Protein backbone atom coordinates (compact mmCIF):
# COMPACT_ATOMS: atom_id res chain seq x y z
CA MET A 1 159.00 113.44 132.95
CA ASN A 2 161.51 110.54 133.05
CA ASP A 3 165.22 110.77 132.29
CA ALA A 4 165.91 111.16 128.58
CA ASP A 5 162.18 111.36 127.83
CA PHE A 6 162.44 113.59 124.78
CA SER A 7 160.66 113.50 121.45
CA ARG A 8 163.34 112.97 118.83
CA SER A 9 160.84 113.73 116.11
CA GLN A 10 161.22 117.41 117.02
CA SER A 11 164.77 117.45 115.67
CA ALA A 12 166.36 115.44 112.87
CA MET A 13 169.11 113.46 114.56
CA TYR A 14 171.92 112.03 112.47
CA GLN A 15 171.22 108.75 110.69
CA TYR A 16 173.64 106.66 108.69
CA SER A 17 173.22 106.87 104.93
CA GLY A 18 173.03 103.08 104.62
CA ARG A 19 175.83 103.04 102.07
CA VAL A 20 178.22 100.10 101.89
CA PRO A 21 181.04 100.82 99.41
CA ALA A 22 181.59 97.95 96.96
CA GLY A 23 185.33 98.19 97.52
CA GLY A 24 184.81 98.29 101.26
CA LEU A 25 182.61 95.20 101.14
CA LEU A 26 185.16 93.23 99.12
CA LEU A 27 188.03 94.36 101.34
CA GLY A 28 186.01 93.53 104.44
CA LEU A 29 185.31 90.01 103.20
CA ALA A 30 188.95 89.58 102.17
CA ILE A 31 189.99 90.42 105.73
CA LEU A 32 187.22 88.79 107.72
CA VAL A 33 186.76 85.43 105.98
CA PRO A 34 190.39 84.20 106.34
CA ALA A 35 190.67 85.72 109.83
CA SER A 36 187.43 84.10 110.99
CA ILE A 37 188.48 80.69 109.64
CA LEU A 38 191.82 80.98 111.44
CA LEU A 39 190.10 81.98 114.68
CA GLY A 40 187.71 79.05 114.36
CA VAL A 41 190.57 76.59 113.82
CA LEU A 42 192.51 77.94 116.82
CA TYR A 43 189.41 77.97 119.02
CA SER A 44 188.64 74.36 118.14
CA GLY A 45 192.16 73.28 119.08
CA ILE A 46 192.10 75.13 122.39
CA VAL A 47 188.76 73.56 123.33
CA VAL A 48 190.06 70.06 122.56
CA TYR A 49 193.20 70.48 124.65
CA LEU A 50 191.65 72.32 127.62
CA PRO A 51 190.74 69.80 130.32
CA PHE A 52 188.41 72.00 132.39
CA LEU A 53 184.85 72.95 131.47
CA LYS A 54 185.02 76.40 133.12
CA LEU A 55 188.13 77.29 131.14
CA ARG A 56 186.39 76.22 127.94
CA CYS A 57 183.46 78.50 128.75
CA ILE A 58 185.84 81.43 129.25
CA VAL A 59 187.57 80.67 125.95
CA THR A 60 184.17 80.44 124.21
CA LEU A 61 183.20 83.87 125.55
CA ALA A 62 186.52 85.33 124.42
CA TYR A 63 186.16 83.71 121.00
CA GLY A 64 182.70 85.16 120.37
CA GLY A 65 183.74 88.56 121.65
CA LEU A 66 186.84 88.60 119.47
CA LEU A 67 184.76 87.76 116.40
CA GLY A 68 182.36 90.62 117.13
CA VAL A 69 185.14 93.12 117.72
CA LEU A 70 186.92 92.00 114.56
CA VAL A 71 183.78 92.50 112.47
CA GLY A 72 182.92 95.84 114.07
CA ARG A 73 186.39 97.31 113.65
CA THR A 74 186.73 96.00 110.10
CA CYS A 75 183.36 97.40 109.04
CA ARG A 76 184.37 100.76 110.46
CA PHE A 77 187.73 100.63 108.70
CA THR A 78 186.02 99.80 105.38
CA LYS A 79 183.49 102.62 105.93
CA PHE A 80 180.23 100.73 106.27
CA ARG A 81 177.47 103.27 106.96
CA SER A 82 174.76 100.76 107.78
CA HIS A 83 174.06 99.10 111.12
CA PHE A 84 172.05 96.46 109.25
CA ALA A 85 175.06 95.61 107.07
CA VAL A 86 177.29 95.37 110.14
CA ALA A 87 174.79 93.06 111.85
CA ALA A 88 174.50 90.89 108.73
CA MET A 89 178.27 90.70 108.39
CA THR A 90 178.53 89.67 112.06
CA LEU A 91 176.14 86.77 111.53
CA VAL A 92 177.82 85.62 108.30
CA ILE A 93 181.35 85.75 109.69
CA THR A 94 180.35 84.04 112.93
CA VAL A 95 178.70 81.21 110.97
CA ILE A 96 181.83 80.79 108.81
CA SER A 97 184.12 80.77 111.83
CA PHE A 98 182.00 78.42 113.93
CA TYR A 99 181.58 76.05 110.96
CA SER A 100 185.37 76.03 110.55
CA ALA A 101 185.80 75.22 114.23
CA TRP A 102 183.53 72.20 113.86
CA ALA A 103 185.19 71.16 110.59
CA VAL A 104 188.63 70.70 112.16
CA HIS A 105 187.41 69.43 115.52
CA CYS A 106 187.91 65.78 114.54
CA ALA A 107 191.42 66.54 113.26
CA TRP A 108 192.37 68.20 116.54
CA PHE A 109 191.01 65.24 118.48
CA ILE A 110 192.98 62.75 116.38
CA GLN A 111 196.14 64.78 116.96
CA SER A 112 195.52 64.90 120.71
CA VAL A 113 195.36 61.08 120.78
CA ASP A 114 197.78 59.89 118.08
CA GLY A 115 199.91 62.96 117.40
CA PHE A 116 200.33 64.83 114.14
CA GLY A 117 200.26 62.79 110.97
CA LYS A 118 198.69 62.26 107.57
CA GLU A 119 195.37 61.36 109.18
CA VAL A 120 195.19 64.75 110.87
CA ILE A 121 195.63 66.61 107.57
CA GLU A 122 193.05 64.44 105.82
CA ALA A 123 190.55 64.88 108.66
CA ALA A 124 191.05 68.66 108.61
CA ILE A 125 190.35 68.84 104.87
CA LEU A 126 187.48 66.37 104.76
CA GLY A 127 185.94 67.91 107.87
CA PHE A 128 184.57 70.81 105.81
CA ASP A 129 182.27 68.36 104.01
CA PRO A 130 178.87 68.67 105.74
CA ARG A 131 178.38 64.89 105.51
CA VAL A 132 181.67 64.23 107.30
CA MET A 133 180.80 66.83 109.92
CA LEU A 134 177.42 65.18 110.47
CA GLY A 135 179.13 61.82 110.84
CA TRP A 136 181.50 63.23 113.45
CA GLY A 137 178.62 64.75 115.36
CA THR A 138 176.77 61.43 115.24
CA TYR A 139 179.83 59.65 116.62
CA ILE A 140 180.02 62.06 119.55
CA PHE A 141 176.28 61.72 120.14
CA GLU A 142 176.58 57.93 120.35
CA ASN A 143 179.93 57.55 122.11
CA GLY A 144 180.92 60.87 123.67
CA LEU A 145 184.44 62.32 123.84
CA TRP A 146 184.82 63.58 127.37
CA PHE A 147 184.12 61.71 130.56
CA LYS A 148 183.07 62.79 134.04
CA ASN A 149 183.12 60.32 136.92
CA GLY A 150 183.55 57.56 134.38
CA ASN A 151 180.47 58.56 132.39
CA PRO A 152 180.75 59.94 128.83
CA HIS A 153 179.16 63.23 127.78
CA ASP A 154 177.07 61.86 124.95
CA GLY A 155 173.52 61.83 123.65
CA TRP A 156 171.30 64.77 124.41
CA GLU A 157 173.70 65.96 127.08
CA ALA A 158 176.22 66.57 124.30
CA VAL A 159 173.58 68.28 122.16
CA THR A 160 172.69 70.58 125.06
CA GLY A 161 176.35 71.52 125.38
CA TRP A 162 176.56 72.31 121.66
CA VAL A 163 173.48 74.53 121.81
CA ILE A 164 174.82 76.43 124.83
CA GLU A 165 178.22 76.84 123.16
CA ALA A 166 176.68 78.17 119.95
CA ALA A 167 174.45 80.55 121.91
CA ILE A 168 177.44 81.94 123.81
CA VAL A 169 179.45 82.47 120.63
CA PHE A 170 176.68 84.15 118.64
CA VAL A 171 175.39 86.33 121.50
CA THR A 172 178.84 87.60 122.50
CA ALA A 173 179.74 88.25 118.85
CA TRP A 174 176.46 90.13 118.39
CA LEU A 175 177.12 92.31 121.43
CA ALA A 176 180.79 92.88 120.63
CA ARG A 177 179.97 94.15 117.13
CA ARG A 178 179.27 97.47 118.87
CA SER A 179 182.98 98.13 118.54
CA TYR A 180 181.83 99.56 115.21
CA GLY A 181 180.86 102.66 117.22
CA ASN A 182 178.16 105.26 116.65
CA SER A 183 180.08 108.32 115.53
CA PRO A 184 178.66 110.14 112.47
CA PHE A 185 180.26 109.89 109.04
CA CYS A 186 181.12 112.93 106.93
CA GLU A 187 179.90 112.07 103.44
CA THR A 188 181.54 115.19 102.00
CA CYS A 189 185.05 114.21 103.10
CA ASP A 190 184.45 110.45 103.08
CA ARG A 191 185.73 109.95 106.61
CA TRP A 192 184.53 109.41 110.16
CA THR A 193 184.09 112.36 112.45
CA GLU A 194 186.27 112.69 115.53
CA GLU A 195 184.56 112.72 118.93
CA THR A 196 185.27 114.84 121.98
CA LYS A 197 183.92 112.61 124.74
CA GLU A 198 183.78 115.23 127.50
CA LEU A 199 183.36 118.66 126.01
CA ALA A 200 181.67 119.74 129.23
CA ALA A 201 180.20 118.24 132.40
CA LEU A 202 177.20 120.39 133.30
CA PRO A 203 175.92 120.35 136.91
CA VAL A 204 172.33 120.47 135.71
CA SER A 205 169.38 118.11 135.95
CA PRO A 206 168.84 115.65 133.07
CA VAL A 207 165.09 116.36 133.36
CA ASP A 208 165.39 120.14 133.11
CA PRO A 209 162.62 121.28 130.69
CA ALA A 210 165.20 123.29 128.75
CA TRP A 211 166.57 120.06 127.29
CA GLN A 212 163.39 119.61 125.29
CA THR A 213 164.00 122.93 123.60
CA ILE A 214 167.69 122.21 123.06
CA ALA A 215 166.80 118.89 121.43
CA THR A 216 164.90 120.80 118.74
CA GLY A 217 168.13 122.52 117.70
CA ASN A 218 167.70 125.70 119.77
CA ILE A 219 171.23 126.03 121.15
CA ALA A 220 170.35 129.33 122.84
CA ALA A 221 168.22 127.33 125.29
CA PHE A 222 171.42 126.24 127.05
CA ARG A 223 171.20 129.59 128.87
CA ARG A 224 167.92 128.49 130.46
CA LEU A 225 169.42 125.50 132.24
CA GLN A 226 169.40 125.63 136.03
CA PHE A 227 172.04 124.36 138.43
CA ALA A 228 171.04 121.00 139.95
CA GLN A 229 171.13 120.53 143.69
CA GLN A 230 171.73 116.77 143.32
CA SER A 231 175.47 116.29 142.96
CA SER A 232 175.28 112.63 141.89
CA ALA A 233 173.67 113.48 138.52
CA TYR A 234 174.90 115.74 135.75
CA VAL A 235 174.85 116.05 131.96
CA GLU A 236 177.86 115.50 129.75
CA LEU A 237 178.15 117.24 126.38
CA GLN A 238 179.94 115.43 123.57
CA LEU A 239 180.94 116.84 120.21
CA ALA A 240 181.68 114.98 116.98
CA SER A 241 183.27 116.97 114.16
CA CYS A 242 184.94 116.38 110.83
CA PRO A 243 188.50 117.74 111.06
CA ASP A 244 188.59 118.43 107.32
CA CYS A 245 185.48 120.59 106.90
CA SER A 246 182.91 122.65 108.79
CA GLU A 247 179.86 120.88 107.38
CA SER A 248 179.72 117.90 109.75
CA ASP A 249 179.34 118.88 113.40
CA PHE A 250 177.14 116.90 115.80
CA LEU A 251 176.21 117.45 119.42
CA SER A 252 175.21 114.81 121.97
CA ALA A 253 173.97 115.17 125.54
CA VAL A 254 174.35 112.28 127.96
CA ALA A 255 172.72 112.06 131.38
CA VAL A 256 175.23 110.71 133.91
CA LYS A 257 174.35 109.39 137.34
CA MET A 258 176.83 108.04 139.88
CA VAL A 259 175.49 104.80 141.35
CA LEU A 260 176.76 101.97 143.52
CA ASN A 261 177.25 98.67 141.74
CA ASN A 262 176.84 95.22 143.27
CA GLU A 263 180.40 95.35 144.55
CA GLY A 264 179.78 98.59 146.42
CA LYS A 265 181.88 100.65 144.02
CA ILE A 266 180.74 103.89 142.41
CA GLU A 267 180.27 103.75 138.64
CA LYS A 268 178.75 105.91 135.91
CA LYS A 269 175.32 105.11 134.53
CA GLU A 270 174.84 106.88 131.21
CA THR A 271 171.65 107.58 129.25
CA ASP A 272 171.46 109.56 126.02
CA LEU A 273 169.29 112.66 126.15
CA PHE A 274 169.92 113.05 122.44
CA ARG A 275 172.59 111.60 120.18
CA SER A 276 174.35 113.26 117.22
CA MET A 277 172.18 116.31 116.64
CA PRO A 278 173.48 118.21 113.59
CA ILE A 279 174.61 121.76 114.38
CA THR A 280 176.07 124.58 112.31
CA ALA A 281 179.58 125.96 112.68
CA GLU A 282 178.11 129.00 114.47
CA GLN A 283 176.19 126.78 116.89
CA LYS A 284 179.33 124.73 117.50
CA ALA A 285 181.22 127.90 118.45
CA GLU A 286 178.35 128.90 120.75
CA VAL A 287 178.37 125.51 122.48
CA ILE A 288 182.14 125.63 122.98
CA ASP A 289 181.91 129.17 124.36
CA PHE A 290 179.11 128.12 126.72
CA SER A 291 181.15 125.11 127.89
CA GLU A 292 184.15 127.31 128.65
CA GLN A 293 181.96 129.74 130.60
CA MET A 294 180.46 126.84 132.54
CA ALA A 295 183.91 125.49 133.41
CA GLU A 296 184.96 128.92 134.66
CA ALA A 297 181.74 129.28 136.69
CA GLN A 298 182.30 125.87 138.28
CA ARG A 299 185.89 126.78 139.14
CA ILE A 300 184.77 129.99 140.83
CA MET A 301 182.02 128.18 142.75
CA ALA A 302 184.51 125.55 143.93
CA GLU A 303 186.92 128.24 145.14
CA GLU A 304 184.12 130.04 146.97
CA ALA A 305 183.00 126.79 148.58
CA ASP A 306 186.55 126.05 149.75
CA ALA A 307 186.90 129.56 151.14
CA ALA A 308 183.58 129.30 152.95
CA GLU A 309 184.58 125.97 154.45
CA GLU A 310 187.84 127.42 155.72
CA THR A 311 186.01 130.23 157.50
CA ALA A 312 183.55 127.68 158.94
CA SER A 313 180.58 129.74 157.84
CA PRO A 314 177.30 128.05 158.91
CA ASN A 315 175.85 128.72 155.47
CA GLY A 316 179.06 128.07 153.60
CA ASP A 317 177.82 125.03 151.73
CA ASP A 318 174.31 126.36 150.99
CA LEU A 319 173.94 127.30 147.34
CA GLY A 320 170.54 128.80 148.01
CA GLU A 321 168.02 128.95 145.23
CA SER A 322 168.90 127.53 141.84
CA THR A 323 170.24 130.12 139.45
CA GLY A 324 170.73 130.10 135.73
CA VAL A 325 174.07 128.93 134.42
CA SER A 326 174.42 132.04 132.29
CA PRO A 327 177.35 134.10 133.62
C-alpha cells in the first residue's frame, strides 16, 4: 500500500456547498475589478521603465502571483464556497488586469520618451479600444521597441515574448489563487472554521492499516496505531472547528516525511491521508484526549531515552518491538 492510498468513498469527506452569495459576488467584483485595473496599469509602467529582461521576468512573476493572491483572499473574505467560482474569478480578473496593462502600454512608452502630457492621457484612454490596441501591437511587430546589440525585438520574436509573458502571468495567478485556502465553512453560523495546524504529531507510519479504518470515521481505531521505527516520517493531525457552534468539526491527517531538498537542506514533504473528515463533538473530545495522551507518552519516552543515554546502556536506544500507542 502506498502513502495516502485510502479509499475516500468509505467516508464522506467535507465538500464545499458550491454557494456564491449574491452580495459576496457583487462585493468581490467591486473590490477586484478596480484593484486589478490598477495593478495592470502599474505593472505596465514598471515593465516599460525597467531596462533589464531578467528584472521584467521577476516583476511579471510577482504581478501574476499578486493577482492570484488578491482573488483568493477576496473570494474567501466574500464567502465563496465554490472552487469553480474562485477559478473562474481568477481567470476573469487576470484577463481584465492584463488587458488594462496592454491598454496603457503605449501611454507609458510615450511618457518615457516625451514626458507627461496631453498625448499620454489620450493614449491611456484610447488604448482600451481593441482597435487601438491592435494597432499598437502591429507597430511593435513591425518596428520593435527594445533593442539588443543594435537589433530590435520585433516580428515573431516579439510575439514569442508576449506569449511567454501571458503564460507566466496566468499560470502564476492560477497557482496563487490557492490563498483561498481549503478550510471548511460552517453553513449554520455563516463563517469559516478555524484550523489547528498541529493538533498532534504522531510517531506512527502513514501506511499503518489502522488509517484505513480511521478514514471511515472510526475514531476508536486511533488506539490500534503502532509506533513507527522510522523517525523521518510521522503523521500530523489537524483540526478545523467552528468557534461559534459544535456542529462543524473536521479532522485531517497529513503524512509528513523529512527529506533533503536540492540545496541539501531538510524540509517537510506533506501528503494528505484524508482531509476534513466530519466528526462529532464527542469524537473531537476523544481525538483531543488521545493527542494529549500521545504527547505525554512521547515526553516520557524522550526522558527515558535521555536517561538511558546518560547511563551508556548498550540497549538504551533500542525501542524493541513496536507497541500500541494506547497508554
